[in-house]
N, C-alpha and C. Protein backbone atom coordinates (compact mmCIF):
# COMPACT_ATOMS: atom_id res chain seq x y z
N MET A 1 -47.63 20.32 -79.89
CA MET A 1 -47.62 18.89 -80.18
C MET A 1 -48.48 18.15 -79.16
N LYS A 2 -49.37 17.33 -79.66
CA LYS A 2 -50.26 16.59 -78.78
C LYS A 2 -49.52 15.44 -78.11
N LEU A 3 -49.65 15.33 -76.79
CA LEU A 3 -48.98 14.28 -76.05
C LEU A 3 -49.71 12.95 -76.21
N ARG A 4 -48.94 11.87 -76.24
CA ARG A 4 -49.53 10.54 -76.26
C ARG A 4 -50.07 10.21 -74.88
N GLU A 5 -50.98 9.24 -74.81
CA GLU A 5 -51.62 8.88 -73.54
C GLU A 5 -50.59 8.47 -72.49
N GLU A 6 -49.58 7.69 -72.88
CA GLU A 6 -48.56 7.26 -71.92
C GLU A 6 -47.76 8.45 -71.39
N GLU A 7 -47.53 9.43 -72.25
CA GLU A 7 -46.81 10.63 -71.81
C GLU A 7 -47.64 11.43 -70.81
N ILE A 8 -48.94 11.47 -71.03
CA ILE A 8 -49.82 12.17 -70.10
C ILE A 8 -49.85 11.47 -68.75
N LYS A 9 -49.85 10.14 -68.77
CA LYS A 9 -49.81 9.39 -67.50
C LYS A 9 -48.53 9.71 -66.74
N GLU A 10 -47.41 9.79 -67.45
CA GLU A 10 -46.13 10.15 -66.83
C GLU A 10 -46.20 11.55 -66.24
N GLN A 11 -46.84 12.45 -66.97
CA GLN A 11 -46.96 13.82 -66.51
C GLN A 11 -47.84 13.90 -65.25
N ILE A 12 -48.90 13.12 -65.22
CA ILE A 12 -49.76 13.09 -64.03
C ILE A 12 -48.95 12.64 -62.82
N CYS A 13 -48.13 11.62 -63.00
CA CYS A 13 -47.29 11.13 -61.89
C CYS A 13 -46.29 12.18 -61.46
N ASP A 14 -45.72 12.90 -62.42
CA ASP A 14 -44.76 13.96 -62.11
C ASP A 14 -45.42 15.08 -61.31
N ILE A 15 -46.63 15.48 -61.72
CA ILE A 15 -47.34 16.53 -60.99
C ILE A 15 -47.71 16.04 -59.60
N GLY A 16 -48.08 14.77 -59.48
CA GLY A 16 -48.37 14.20 -58.17
C GLY A 16 -47.17 14.30 -57.25
N ARG A 17 -45.98 14.01 -57.77
CA ARG A 17 -44.76 14.11 -56.95
C ARG A 17 -44.49 15.56 -56.55
N ARG A 18 -44.70 16.47 -57.46
CA ARG A 18 -44.50 17.89 -57.15
C ARG A 18 -45.45 18.34 -56.03
N MET A 19 -46.70 17.94 -56.13
CA MET A 19 -47.67 18.30 -55.10
C MET A 19 -47.25 17.74 -53.74
N TYR A 20 -46.80 16.49 -53.74
CA TYR A 20 -46.40 15.83 -52.50
C TYR A 20 -45.15 16.49 -51.91
N GLN A 21 -44.17 16.79 -52.75
CA GLN A 21 -42.92 17.38 -52.29
C GLN A 21 -43.10 18.81 -51.79
N ARG A 22 -44.10 19.49 -52.32
CA ARG A 22 -44.36 20.87 -51.90
C ARG A 22 -45.38 20.93 -50.75
N ASN A 23 -45.68 19.79 -50.15
CA ASN A 23 -46.61 19.71 -49.01
C ASN A 23 -48.01 20.22 -49.34
N MET A 24 -48.41 20.03 -50.60
CA MET A 24 -49.78 20.38 -50.98
C MET A 24 -50.74 19.25 -50.67
N VAL A 25 -50.20 18.06 -50.44
CA VAL A 25 -51.01 16.90 -50.07
C VAL A 25 -50.25 16.10 -49.02
N ALA A 26 -51.00 15.38 -48.19
CA ALA A 26 -50.41 14.48 -47.19
C ALA A 26 -51.00 13.10 -47.38
N ALA A 27 -50.19 12.08 -47.08
CA ALA A 27 -50.67 10.70 -47.21
C ALA A 27 -51.28 10.47 -48.60
N ASN A 28 -52.57 10.10 -48.65
CA ASN A 28 -53.21 9.78 -49.93
C ASN A 28 -54.11 10.89 -50.46
N ASP A 29 -53.95 12.10 -49.92
CA ASP A 29 -54.83 13.22 -50.28
C ASP A 29 -54.65 13.63 -51.75
N GLY A 30 -55.65 14.39 -52.23
CA GLY A 30 -55.57 15.04 -53.53
C GLY A 30 -55.91 14.13 -54.70
N ASN A 31 -56.15 14.75 -55.85
CA ASN A 31 -56.39 14.00 -57.08
C ASN A 31 -56.14 14.87 -58.30
N ILE A 32 -55.88 14.20 -59.41
CA ILE A 32 -55.50 14.86 -60.67
C ILE A 32 -56.26 14.19 -61.80
N SER A 33 -56.68 14.97 -62.79
CA SER A 33 -57.31 14.37 -63.97
C SER A 33 -56.94 15.15 -65.21
N VAL A 34 -56.98 14.46 -66.34
CA VAL A 34 -56.72 15.07 -67.65
C VAL A 34 -57.75 14.54 -68.63
N ARG A 35 -58.37 15.45 -69.37
CA ARG A 35 -59.36 15.03 -70.37
C ARG A 35 -58.65 14.71 -71.68
N LEU A 36 -58.79 13.46 -72.14
CA LEU A 36 -58.17 13.03 -73.39
C LEU A 36 -59.02 13.43 -74.59
N GLY A 37 -60.32 13.34 -74.42
CA GLY A 37 -61.26 13.65 -75.50
C GLY A 37 -62.64 13.80 -74.91
N GLU A 38 -63.63 13.83 -75.74
CA GLU A 38 -64.99 14.08 -75.27
C GLU A 38 -65.49 13.00 -74.31
N HIS A 39 -65.00 11.77 -74.48
CA HIS A 39 -65.54 10.67 -73.69
C HIS A 39 -64.48 9.90 -72.89
N GLU A 40 -63.27 10.44 -72.77
CA GLU A 40 -62.21 9.75 -72.05
C GLU A 40 -61.44 10.70 -71.14
N ILE A 41 -61.28 10.29 -69.89
CA ILE A 41 -60.58 11.11 -68.89
C ILE A 41 -59.65 10.20 -68.09
N LEU A 42 -58.39 10.61 -67.97
CA LEU A 42 -57.45 9.92 -67.11
C LEU A 42 -57.53 10.54 -65.72
N CYS A 43 -57.47 9.71 -64.66
CA CYS A 43 -57.55 10.24 -63.31
C CYS A 43 -56.74 9.40 -62.34
N THR A 44 -56.34 10.02 -61.25
CA THR A 44 -55.58 9.31 -60.22
C THR A 44 -56.51 8.42 -59.39
N PRO A 45 -55.98 7.33 -58.84
CA PRO A 45 -56.81 6.41 -58.06
C PRO A 45 -56.95 6.83 -56.61
N THR A 46 -57.92 6.28 -55.94
CA THR A 46 -58.12 6.52 -54.52
C THR A 46 -57.15 5.67 -53.71
N GLY A 47 -56.85 6.13 -52.49
CA GLY A 47 -56.05 5.35 -51.57
C GLY A 47 -54.59 5.21 -51.94
N VAL A 48 -54.07 6.13 -52.75
CA VAL A 48 -52.68 6.06 -53.20
C VAL A 48 -52.02 7.42 -53.00
N SER A 49 -50.81 7.43 -52.46
CA SER A 49 -50.08 8.68 -52.30
C SER A 49 -49.72 9.25 -53.66
N LYS A 50 -49.99 10.52 -53.84
CA LYS A 50 -49.67 11.16 -55.12
C LYS A 50 -48.17 11.32 -55.31
N GLY A 51 -47.40 11.12 -54.26
CA GLY A 51 -45.95 11.24 -54.37
C GLY A 51 -45.27 9.98 -54.85
N PHE A 52 -46.01 8.87 -54.94
CA PHE A 52 -45.38 7.59 -55.27
C PHE A 52 -46.10 6.84 -56.37
N MET A 53 -46.82 7.54 -57.21
CA MET A 53 -47.56 6.89 -58.29
C MET A 53 -46.64 6.55 -59.45
N THR A 54 -47.02 5.52 -60.19
CA THR A 54 -46.41 5.19 -61.47
C THR A 54 -47.54 5.08 -62.50
N PRO A 55 -47.23 5.15 -63.79
CA PRO A 55 -48.29 5.22 -64.82
C PRO A 55 -49.36 4.14 -64.74
N GLU A 56 -48.99 2.93 -64.31
CA GLU A 56 -50.00 1.87 -64.28
C GLU A 56 -51.06 2.09 -63.21
N TYR A 57 -50.83 3.04 -62.30
CA TYR A 57 -51.83 3.37 -61.29
C TYR A 57 -53.01 4.15 -61.89
N ILE A 58 -52.77 4.84 -62.99
CA ILE A 58 -53.74 5.80 -63.51
C ILE A 58 -54.94 5.08 -64.12
N CYS A 59 -56.14 5.57 -63.77
CA CYS A 59 -57.40 5.00 -64.27
C CYS A 59 -57.92 5.82 -65.44
N LYS A 60 -58.80 5.21 -66.21
CA LYS A 60 -59.49 5.92 -67.29
C LYS A 60 -60.99 5.78 -67.08
N ILE A 61 -61.70 6.90 -67.16
CA ILE A 61 -63.15 6.92 -67.00
C ILE A 61 -63.78 7.68 -68.15
N ASP A 62 -65.11 7.60 -68.26
CA ASP A 62 -65.80 8.44 -69.23
C ASP A 62 -66.38 9.66 -68.53
N GLU A 63 -67.12 10.47 -69.26
CA GLU A 63 -67.63 11.73 -68.72
C GLU A 63 -68.69 11.55 -67.64
N THR A 64 -69.20 10.32 -67.48
CA THR A 64 -70.18 10.05 -66.42
C THR A 64 -69.53 9.43 -65.18
N GLY A 65 -68.23 9.12 -65.28
CA GLY A 65 -67.53 8.48 -64.17
C GLY A 65 -67.41 6.98 -64.31
N LYS A 66 -67.96 6.41 -65.37
CA LYS A 66 -67.86 4.97 -65.60
C LYS A 66 -66.41 4.59 -65.87
N ILE A 67 -65.95 3.52 -65.21
CA ILE A 67 -64.57 3.06 -65.38
C ILE A 67 -64.39 2.39 -66.74
N LEU A 68 -63.43 2.90 -67.51
CA LEU A 68 -63.09 2.31 -68.80
C LEU A 68 -61.86 1.42 -68.70
N GLU A 69 -60.89 1.86 -67.87
CA GLU A 69 -59.68 1.08 -67.65
C GLU A 69 -59.20 1.29 -66.22
N ALA A 70 -58.78 0.20 -65.55
CA ALA A 70 -58.21 0.29 -64.22
C ALA A 70 -57.44 -0.99 -63.95
N ASN A 71 -56.21 -0.85 -63.49
CA ASN A 71 -55.37 -2.02 -63.23
C ASN A 71 -55.54 -2.51 -61.80
N GLY A 72 -55.66 -3.83 -61.63
CA GLY A 72 -55.71 -4.42 -60.30
C GLY A 72 -56.82 -3.85 -59.45
N ASN A 73 -56.46 -3.44 -58.24
CA ASN A 73 -57.44 -2.88 -57.31
C ASN A 73 -57.57 -1.36 -57.39
N PHE A 74 -56.86 -0.74 -58.32
CA PHE A 74 -56.92 0.71 -58.45
C PHE A 74 -58.30 1.13 -58.95
N ARG A 75 -58.89 2.11 -58.26
CA ARG A 75 -60.19 2.64 -58.65
C ARG A 75 -60.16 4.16 -58.54
N PRO A 76 -60.93 4.86 -59.37
CA PRO A 76 -60.93 6.33 -59.32
C PRO A 76 -61.38 6.86 -57.97
N SER A 77 -60.85 8.00 -57.60
CA SER A 77 -61.27 8.66 -56.36
C SER A 77 -62.73 9.09 -56.46
N SER A 78 -63.43 9.04 -55.34
CA SER A 78 -64.82 9.51 -55.31
C SER A 78 -64.88 11.01 -55.57
N GLU A 79 -63.77 11.71 -55.32
CA GLU A 79 -63.75 13.16 -55.54
C GLU A 79 -63.61 13.53 -57.01
N THR A 80 -63.50 12.51 -57.86
CA THR A 80 -63.48 12.77 -59.30
C THR A 80 -64.76 13.45 -59.75
N LYS A 81 -65.81 13.34 -58.94
CA LYS A 81 -67.08 14.02 -59.27
C LYS A 81 -66.85 15.52 -59.49
N MET A 82 -65.95 16.11 -58.70
CA MET A 82 -65.63 17.53 -58.87
C MET A 82 -65.06 17.79 -60.25
N HIS A 83 -64.14 16.95 -60.65
CA HIS A 83 -63.48 17.11 -61.94
C HIS A 83 -64.49 17.01 -63.08
N LEU A 84 -65.39 16.04 -62.97
CA LEU A 84 -66.38 15.84 -64.03
C LEU A 84 -67.29 17.06 -64.16
N LYS A 85 -67.60 17.70 -63.03
CA LYS A 85 -68.44 18.89 -63.08
C LYS A 85 -67.71 20.03 -63.80
N VAL A 86 -66.42 20.16 -63.55
CA VAL A 86 -65.63 21.19 -64.25
C VAL A 86 -65.65 20.93 -65.75
N TYR A 87 -65.41 19.69 -66.15
CA TYR A 87 -65.39 19.36 -67.58
C TYR A 87 -66.76 19.57 -68.23
N GLU A 88 -67.79 19.28 -67.47
CA GLU A 88 -69.15 19.45 -68.00
C GLU A 88 -69.45 20.92 -68.29
N ARG A 89 -69.03 21.79 -67.38
CA ARG A 89 -69.36 23.22 -67.50
C ARG A 89 -68.33 24.03 -68.27
N ARG A 90 -67.11 23.48 -68.42
CA ARG A 90 -66.05 24.22 -69.08
C ARG A 90 -65.41 23.36 -70.18
N PRO A 91 -65.98 23.40 -71.38
CA PRO A 91 -65.44 22.59 -72.48
C PRO A 91 -63.99 22.94 -72.83
N ASP A 92 -63.56 24.15 -72.46
CA ASP A 92 -62.19 24.58 -72.76
C ASP A 92 -61.16 23.97 -71.81
N VAL A 93 -61.61 23.44 -70.69
CA VAL A 93 -60.70 22.91 -69.68
C VAL A 93 -60.30 21.46 -70.02
N LYS A 94 -59.00 21.20 -69.91
CA LYS A 94 -58.49 19.86 -70.23
C LYS A 94 -57.85 19.17 -69.03
N ALA A 95 -57.70 19.88 -67.90
CA ALA A 95 -57.07 19.25 -66.73
C ALA A 95 -57.56 19.93 -65.46
N VAL A 96 -57.64 19.14 -64.38
CA VAL A 96 -58.10 19.63 -63.07
C VAL A 96 -57.20 19.03 -61.99
N VAL A 97 -56.84 19.85 -61.02
CA VAL A 97 -56.05 19.36 -59.88
C VAL A 97 -56.72 19.79 -58.58
N HIS A 98 -56.71 18.86 -57.62
CA HIS A 98 -57.27 19.13 -56.30
C HIS A 98 -56.25 18.76 -55.25
N ALA A 99 -56.04 19.65 -54.28
CA ALA A 99 -55.05 19.39 -53.23
C ALA A 99 -55.46 20.12 -51.95
N HIS A 100 -54.62 19.96 -50.91
CA HIS A 100 -54.85 20.61 -49.63
C HIS A 100 -53.63 21.45 -49.25
N PRO A 101 -53.23 22.41 -50.10
CA PRO A 101 -52.06 23.23 -49.78
C PRO A 101 -52.27 23.97 -48.46
N MET A 102 -51.22 24.04 -47.65
CA MET A 102 -51.35 24.49 -46.26
C MET A 102 -51.98 25.87 -46.12
N PHE A 103 -51.42 26.87 -46.78
CA PHE A 103 -51.91 28.24 -46.57
C PHE A 103 -53.28 28.45 -47.22
N ALA A 104 -53.45 27.97 -48.43
CA ALA A 104 -54.75 28.12 -49.10
C ALA A 104 -55.85 27.42 -48.31
N THR A 105 -55.55 26.23 -47.81
CA THR A 105 -56.56 25.49 -47.04
C THR A 105 -56.86 26.18 -45.72
N ALA A 106 -55.85 26.82 -45.13
CA ALA A 106 -56.08 27.58 -43.89
C ALA A 106 -57.08 28.70 -44.14
N PHE A 107 -56.95 29.40 -45.29
CA PHE A 107 -57.92 30.44 -45.62
C PHE A 107 -59.30 29.83 -45.86
N ALA A 108 -59.34 28.66 -46.50
CA ALA A 108 -60.62 27.98 -46.75
C ALA A 108 -61.30 27.59 -45.44
N ILE A 109 -60.51 27.17 -44.47
CA ILE A 109 -61.06 26.78 -43.17
C ILE A 109 -61.55 28.00 -42.39
N CYS A 110 -60.86 29.12 -42.55
CA CYS A 110 -61.25 30.35 -41.85
C CYS A 110 -62.37 31.09 -42.57
N GLY A 111 -62.72 30.64 -43.77
CA GLY A 111 -63.78 31.29 -44.53
C GLY A 111 -63.36 32.62 -45.13
N ILE A 112 -62.08 32.77 -45.48
CA ILE A 112 -61.57 34.01 -46.04
C ILE A 112 -61.24 33.81 -47.52
N GLU A 113 -61.95 34.50 -48.39
CA GLU A 113 -61.68 34.40 -49.82
C GLU A 113 -60.36 35.08 -50.17
N LEU A 114 -59.73 34.62 -51.23
CA LEU A 114 -58.48 35.22 -51.69
C LEU A 114 -58.79 36.17 -52.84
N THR A 115 -59.27 37.33 -52.48
CA THR A 115 -59.70 38.30 -53.48
C THR A 115 -58.97 39.64 -53.37
N ALA A 116 -58.12 39.80 -52.37
CA ALA A 116 -57.42 41.07 -52.18
C ALA A 116 -56.40 41.28 -53.31
N PRO A 117 -56.49 42.42 -54.03
CA PRO A 117 -55.55 42.68 -55.12
C PRO A 117 -54.22 43.21 -54.57
N ILE A 118 -53.29 42.30 -54.28
CA ILE A 118 -52.06 42.73 -53.62
C ILE A 118 -50.83 42.66 -54.52
N MET A 119 -50.92 41.97 -55.67
CA MET A 119 -49.78 41.94 -56.57
C MET A 119 -50.25 41.72 -58.00
N PRO A 120 -49.56 42.33 -58.97
CA PRO A 120 -50.01 42.27 -60.37
C PRO A 120 -50.16 40.86 -60.91
N GLU A 121 -49.21 39.97 -60.60
CA GLU A 121 -49.26 38.62 -61.14
C GLU A 121 -50.52 37.88 -60.72
N ALA A 122 -50.93 38.07 -59.47
CA ALA A 122 -52.13 37.39 -58.99
C ALA A 122 -53.37 37.93 -59.69
N VAL A 123 -53.41 39.23 -59.93
CA VAL A 123 -54.56 39.84 -60.60
C VAL A 123 -54.67 39.35 -62.04
N VAL A 124 -53.54 39.34 -62.75
CA VAL A 124 -53.54 39.01 -64.17
C VAL A 124 -53.65 37.50 -64.42
N ASN A 125 -52.86 36.72 -63.72
CA ASN A 125 -52.76 35.29 -64.03
C ASN A 125 -53.72 34.39 -63.25
N LEU A 126 -54.19 34.86 -62.11
CA LEU A 126 -55.05 34.02 -61.28
C LEU A 126 -56.44 34.60 -61.10
N GLY A 127 -56.51 35.88 -60.77
CA GLY A 127 -57.81 36.50 -60.52
C GLY A 127 -58.31 36.17 -59.13
N PRO A 128 -59.49 36.67 -58.76
CA PRO A 128 -60.04 36.40 -57.42
C PRO A 128 -60.38 34.93 -57.23
N VAL A 129 -60.13 34.44 -56.02
CA VAL A 129 -60.39 33.03 -55.70
C VAL A 129 -61.45 32.98 -54.60
N PRO A 130 -62.69 32.62 -54.96
CA PRO A 130 -63.78 32.56 -53.98
C PRO A 130 -63.77 31.25 -53.21
N ILE A 131 -64.68 31.13 -52.26
CA ILE A 131 -64.82 29.90 -51.49
C ILE A 131 -66.18 29.25 -51.80
N ALA A 132 -66.14 28.01 -52.24
CA ALA A 132 -67.38 27.26 -52.45
C ALA A 132 -67.91 26.80 -51.10
N PRO A 133 -69.21 26.72 -50.93
CA PRO A 133 -69.79 26.29 -49.64
C PRO A 133 -69.32 24.90 -49.24
N TYR A 134 -69.32 24.65 -47.96
CA TYR A 134 -68.90 23.33 -47.48
C TYR A 134 -69.81 22.24 -48.05
N ALA A 135 -69.18 21.14 -48.44
CA ALA A 135 -69.92 19.98 -48.96
C ALA A 135 -69.26 18.71 -48.44
N THR A 136 -70.05 17.71 -48.15
CA THR A 136 -69.53 16.44 -47.64
C THR A 136 -68.72 15.74 -48.73
N PRO A 137 -67.43 15.47 -48.47
CA PRO A 137 -66.59 14.81 -49.47
C PRO A 137 -67.19 13.50 -49.97
N SER A 138 -66.98 13.23 -51.25
CA SER A 138 -67.39 12.01 -51.95
C SER A 138 -68.88 11.98 -52.30
N THR A 139 -69.64 13.02 -51.90
CA THR A 139 -71.07 13.05 -52.22
C THR A 139 -71.33 14.02 -53.38
N GLU A 140 -72.57 14.01 -53.88
CA GLU A 140 -72.96 14.92 -54.95
C GLU A 140 -73.00 16.37 -54.48
N GLU A 141 -72.94 16.57 -53.15
CA GLU A 141 -72.90 17.94 -52.64
C GLU A 141 -71.68 18.69 -53.18
N VAL A 142 -70.58 17.97 -53.38
CA VAL A 142 -69.33 18.61 -53.78
C VAL A 142 -69.42 19.23 -55.18
N PRO A 143 -69.74 18.45 -56.22
CA PRO A 143 -69.87 19.09 -57.54
C PRO A 143 -70.95 20.16 -57.58
N ASN A 144 -72.01 19.97 -56.83
CA ASN A 144 -73.07 20.99 -56.81
C ASN A 144 -72.58 22.29 -56.16
N SER A 145 -71.68 22.16 -55.18
CA SER A 145 -71.21 23.34 -54.46
C SER A 145 -70.29 24.22 -55.31
N ILE A 146 -69.61 23.64 -56.29
CA ILE A 146 -68.65 24.41 -57.09
C ILE A 146 -69.24 24.93 -58.39
N GLU A 147 -70.39 24.44 -58.78
CA GLU A 147 -70.93 24.71 -60.11
C GLU A 147 -71.05 26.20 -60.42
N GLY A 148 -71.50 26.97 -59.46
CA GLY A 148 -71.72 28.40 -59.71
C GLY A 148 -70.46 29.23 -59.84
N PHE A 149 -69.29 28.64 -59.58
CA PHE A 149 -68.04 29.39 -59.62
C PHE A 149 -67.19 29.08 -60.86
N LEU A 150 -67.60 28.12 -61.64
CA LEU A 150 -66.73 27.62 -62.70
C LEU A 150 -66.60 28.55 -63.89
N ALA A 151 -67.65 29.26 -64.24
CA ALA A 151 -67.62 30.07 -65.45
C ALA A 151 -66.65 31.24 -65.36
N ASP A 152 -66.54 31.84 -64.19
CA ASP A 152 -65.82 33.12 -64.08
C ASP A 152 -64.53 33.06 -63.28
N HIS A 153 -64.07 31.86 -62.92
CA HIS A 153 -62.85 31.76 -62.11
C HIS A 153 -61.92 30.68 -62.65
N GLN A 154 -60.68 30.72 -62.17
CA GLN A 154 -59.67 29.76 -62.61
C GLN A 154 -59.27 28.80 -61.49
N ALA A 155 -59.72 29.12 -60.29
CA ALA A 155 -59.45 28.27 -59.12
C ALA A 155 -60.43 28.66 -58.03
N ILE A 156 -60.68 27.74 -57.12
CA ILE A 156 -61.56 28.04 -55.99
C ILE A 156 -61.04 27.34 -54.74
N LEU A 157 -61.42 27.91 -53.61
CA LEU A 157 -61.20 27.24 -52.34
C LEU A 157 -62.45 26.44 -52.01
N LEU A 158 -62.27 25.32 -51.35
CA LEU A 158 -63.38 24.48 -50.90
C LEU A 158 -63.48 24.61 -49.39
N ALA A 159 -64.57 25.13 -48.89
CA ALA A 159 -64.70 25.41 -47.46
C ALA A 159 -64.32 24.21 -46.61
N ASN A 160 -63.41 24.44 -45.64
CA ASN A 160 -62.96 23.40 -44.71
C ASN A 160 -62.42 22.15 -45.40
N HIS A 161 -61.86 22.35 -46.59
CA HIS A 161 -61.45 21.17 -47.36
C HIS A 161 -60.11 21.37 -48.08
N GLY A 162 -60.03 22.29 -49.03
CA GLY A 162 -58.81 22.44 -49.80
C GLY A 162 -58.98 23.39 -50.96
N ALA A 163 -58.35 23.07 -52.09
CA ALA A 163 -58.39 23.95 -53.25
C ALA A 163 -58.54 23.14 -54.52
N LEU A 164 -59.10 23.78 -55.54
CA LEU A 164 -59.32 23.16 -56.84
C LEU A 164 -58.91 24.16 -57.91
N ALA A 165 -58.15 23.68 -58.91
CA ALA A 165 -57.72 24.56 -60.00
C ALA A 165 -57.83 23.80 -61.32
N TRP A 166 -57.97 24.54 -62.42
CA TRP A 166 -58.14 23.89 -63.72
C TRP A 166 -57.47 24.73 -64.79
N GLY A 167 -57.27 24.13 -65.98
CA GLY A 167 -56.61 24.85 -67.05
C GLY A 167 -56.70 24.14 -68.38
N LYS A 168 -56.08 24.76 -69.39
CA LYS A 168 -56.12 24.23 -70.76
C LYS A 168 -55.28 22.97 -70.91
N ASP A 169 -54.37 22.73 -69.97
CA ASP A 169 -53.58 21.50 -69.94
C ASP A 169 -53.13 21.28 -68.50
N LEU A 170 -52.47 20.16 -68.25
CA LEU A 170 -52.15 19.81 -66.87
C LEU A 170 -51.16 20.77 -66.23
N MET A 171 -50.14 21.19 -66.96
CA MET A 171 -49.17 22.11 -66.39
C MET A 171 -49.82 23.44 -66.02
N THR A 172 -50.72 23.91 -66.86
CA THR A 172 -51.42 25.17 -66.57
C THR A 172 -52.26 25.03 -65.32
N ALA A 173 -52.98 23.93 -65.19
CA ALA A 173 -53.81 23.70 -64.00
C ALA A 173 -52.94 23.64 -62.75
N TYR A 174 -51.81 22.93 -62.83
CA TYR A 174 -50.92 22.83 -61.67
C TYR A 174 -50.33 24.19 -61.31
N TYR A 175 -49.93 24.96 -62.31
CA TYR A 175 -49.36 26.28 -62.03
C TYR A 175 -50.39 27.19 -61.36
N LYS A 176 -51.66 27.04 -61.72
CA LYS A 176 -52.71 27.81 -61.04
C LYS A 176 -52.75 27.45 -59.55
N LEU A 177 -52.64 26.16 -59.26
CA LEU A 177 -52.64 25.71 -57.87
C LEU A 177 -51.41 26.24 -57.14
N GLU A 178 -50.27 26.19 -57.79
CA GLU A 178 -49.03 26.68 -57.19
C GLU A 178 -49.12 28.19 -56.94
N SER A 179 -49.65 28.92 -57.91
CA SER A 179 -49.82 30.37 -57.75
C SER A 179 -50.79 30.70 -56.63
N LEU A 180 -51.85 29.90 -56.53
CA LEU A 180 -52.84 30.09 -55.47
C LEU A 180 -52.19 29.94 -54.10
N GLU A 181 -51.37 28.92 -53.93
CA GLU A 181 -50.73 28.69 -52.65
C GLU A 181 -49.71 29.80 -52.33
N PHE A 182 -48.98 30.25 -53.35
CA PHE A 182 -48.03 31.35 -53.15
C PHE A 182 -48.76 32.62 -52.72
N TYR A 183 -49.87 32.90 -53.40
CA TYR A 183 -50.69 34.08 -53.08
C TYR A 183 -51.21 33.98 -51.65
N ALA A 184 -51.69 32.79 -51.26
CA ALA A 184 -52.23 32.62 -49.91
C ALA A 184 -51.15 32.82 -48.85
N GLU A 185 -49.97 32.27 -49.09
CA GLU A 185 -48.89 32.45 -48.11
C GLU A 185 -48.46 33.91 -48.05
N LEU A 186 -48.39 34.56 -49.19
CA LEU A 186 -48.00 35.96 -49.24
C LEU A 186 -49.00 36.83 -48.47
N LEU A 187 -50.29 36.56 -48.67
CA LEU A 187 -51.31 37.32 -47.96
C LEU A 187 -51.23 37.08 -46.46
N TYR A 188 -50.98 35.83 -46.08
CA TYR A 188 -50.84 35.50 -44.66
C TYR A 188 -49.67 36.27 -44.04
N ARG A 189 -48.54 36.29 -44.73
CA ARG A 189 -47.36 36.95 -44.16
C ARG A 189 -47.50 38.46 -44.15
N THR A 190 -48.16 39.04 -45.14
CA THR A 190 -48.36 40.49 -45.12
C THR A 190 -49.31 40.89 -43.99
N CYS A 191 -50.25 40.01 -43.67
CA CYS A 191 -51.14 40.28 -42.54
C CYS A 191 -50.34 40.32 -41.24
N GLN A 192 -49.33 39.48 -41.13
CA GLN A 192 -48.47 39.48 -39.94
C GLN A 192 -47.67 40.78 -39.82
N LEU A 193 -47.43 41.42 -40.96
CA LEU A 193 -46.66 42.66 -40.99
C LEU A 193 -47.54 43.90 -40.85
N GLY A 194 -48.82 43.69 -40.61
CA GLY A 194 -49.71 44.81 -40.41
C GLY A 194 -50.77 45.00 -41.47
N GLY A 195 -50.78 44.14 -42.48
CA GLY A 195 -51.81 44.23 -43.52
C GLY A 195 -51.24 44.68 -44.85
N ALA A 196 -51.77 44.10 -45.93
CA ALA A 196 -51.27 44.41 -47.27
C ALA A 196 -51.75 45.77 -47.74
N ARG A 197 -50.92 46.44 -48.53
CA ARG A 197 -51.32 47.66 -49.22
C ARG A 197 -51.88 47.24 -50.57
N GLU A 198 -53.19 47.30 -50.72
CA GLU A 198 -53.82 46.81 -51.94
C GLU A 198 -53.67 47.79 -53.10
N LEU A 199 -53.69 47.24 -54.31
CA LEU A 199 -53.64 48.06 -55.51
C LEU A 199 -54.91 48.89 -55.62
N ASN A 200 -54.78 50.14 -56.07
CA ASN A 200 -55.96 51.00 -56.18
C ASN A 200 -56.69 50.75 -57.50
N GLN A 201 -57.83 51.39 -57.68
CA GLN A 201 -58.68 51.14 -58.84
C GLN A 201 -57.99 51.49 -60.15
N GLU A 202 -57.26 52.59 -60.17
CA GLU A 202 -56.54 53.00 -61.39
C GLU A 202 -55.50 51.94 -61.77
N GLN A 203 -54.78 51.44 -60.79
CA GLN A 203 -53.78 50.40 -61.05
C GLN A 203 -54.43 49.12 -61.53
N LEU A 204 -55.58 48.81 -60.94
CA LEU A 204 -56.29 47.59 -61.35
C LEU A 204 -56.80 47.69 -62.78
N GLU A 205 -57.33 48.86 -63.16
CA GLU A 205 -57.83 49.04 -64.52
C GLU A 205 -56.73 48.81 -65.55
N LYS A 206 -55.53 49.27 -65.25
CA LYS A 206 -54.41 49.06 -66.16
C LYS A 206 -54.06 47.58 -66.26
N LEU A 207 -54.15 46.88 -65.14
CA LEU A 207 -53.88 45.45 -65.15
C LEU A 207 -54.96 44.68 -65.90
N TYR A 208 -56.22 45.12 -65.77
CA TYR A 208 -57.30 44.47 -66.49
C TYR A 208 -57.10 44.63 -68.01
N GLU A 209 -56.58 45.78 -68.41
CA GLU A 209 -56.30 46.01 -69.82
C GLU A 209 -55.20 45.07 -70.31
N VAL A 210 -54.17 44.90 -69.50
CA VAL A 210 -53.11 43.95 -69.81
C VAL A 210 -53.69 42.54 -69.95
N LYS A 211 -54.57 42.21 -69.03
CA LYS A 211 -55.20 40.89 -69.04
C LYS A 211 -56.01 40.67 -70.32
N ARG A 212 -56.75 41.70 -70.73
CA ARG A 212 -57.54 41.59 -71.97
C ARG A 212 -56.64 41.40 -73.18
N LYS A 213 -55.53 42.14 -73.22
CA LYS A 213 -54.60 42.03 -74.35
C LYS A 213 -53.96 40.65 -74.44
N LEU A 214 -53.77 40.03 -73.27
CA LEU A 214 -53.18 38.70 -73.21
C LEU A 214 -54.21 37.59 -73.48
N GLY A 215 -55.48 37.99 -73.60
CA GLY A 215 -56.53 37.02 -73.83
C GLY A 215 -56.88 36.18 -72.62
N LEU A 216 -56.64 36.75 -71.43
CA LEU A 216 -56.91 36.04 -70.18
C LEU A 216 -58.25 36.42 -69.59
């Protein structure tokens, strides 16, 4: 069932609260967007905590970033450029989330990609998570830095910045972000225990077959 626009705005606010409560964002960090159609995108505003948003905060833009609707002083985040690049390159994607989850961002700052095959769920549902080169926030460097990773991945780390995830709807995109952070924390803790025992090639091939059957 297709959600109405007001329901999507409520969902964006709910996801914002989840991100804030799970310490994926601090203060006014992070942003969320949902594509309504070919020329309309709902997005969170700049300068607002994602933990305290209400539907009237949400802005509407077109595929070029032009503001279609915005209440009062609310304006789209400059980081929406990342979201627009995802939508441009991935017509199948309907939602994008950006945050600074603690463990995932720590790996992004250290320049360590999340590609180690350490658990079946991460291999099947998330896949390898590369790091996009560092780009100055709010500039065109950011969408340009992620462009080469969009076709073959479901989430990426942003060097010295945070994480970006996308999906067929908002809940899917958020779950990718949540899975990414869980994977990052798990990898961090296994390193403290002496290093993860990675899945071997035979085990991976079986998981890839499962992934193909699931259409992932």
